[in-house]
């Protein structure tokens, strides 16, 4: 399968002529085009850098074959579209455009103790690629390709390192990185690589890798 990294947390998986789009948010200028070219979208949570309600509403209206899977609070922001918008929670398994998807986790990583808990699910696709959304939740399943969030108000280098160690992937790929400076990016790569022993792949916007 081919994995293509887009802006921030948006990732597209391609196999056998079909695509699966994960977290096409408002931070991703190409979100509308990506959604317009697929039949399946996964959303981890309702924050705008991962979810663009306007883009998905328009696409669902225009594309009768499009289906969206997301947490309940995201589903409530979209019309039902005859059951094509489906609520998911930890423990669910389903098929999306030929991909097998398993759902894990329930909570967004904490930003601060004074803020209320926030929801977030993570997705393991084809037993290979794991997109954690905004979390460090480690699934009780083997992970080949781990997408590792690198920057944001909730991210912490130490917790990120422990996340990679616990997941024990064959490879890791940096995501959630729009706000990284060059210095921050180099520091993150250094600590992650040295402390986990897992190679960190850094892809530019629109770049792809086979996984």
Foldseek 3Di string as FASTA:
>chain_A
DKWADAAFQWIWDDDPHAIEIFQLAPRTPCSLVVQLRHQYYEFFFDDRSRDDQVSVQVSLVVPVRHAYEYAPVSLVSHDCSVVRYYHDDAQDWDATRNKIKHKHDFWAADLDPVDDTGTTIWIDINLEEIRRDRDLDADPGAYAEYEFEQDDSRDDLVSSLVSCQRNVYQAYEYHNPNPDDPVSVVVSQVSNCVSRVHHYDYDDHGDMDDD
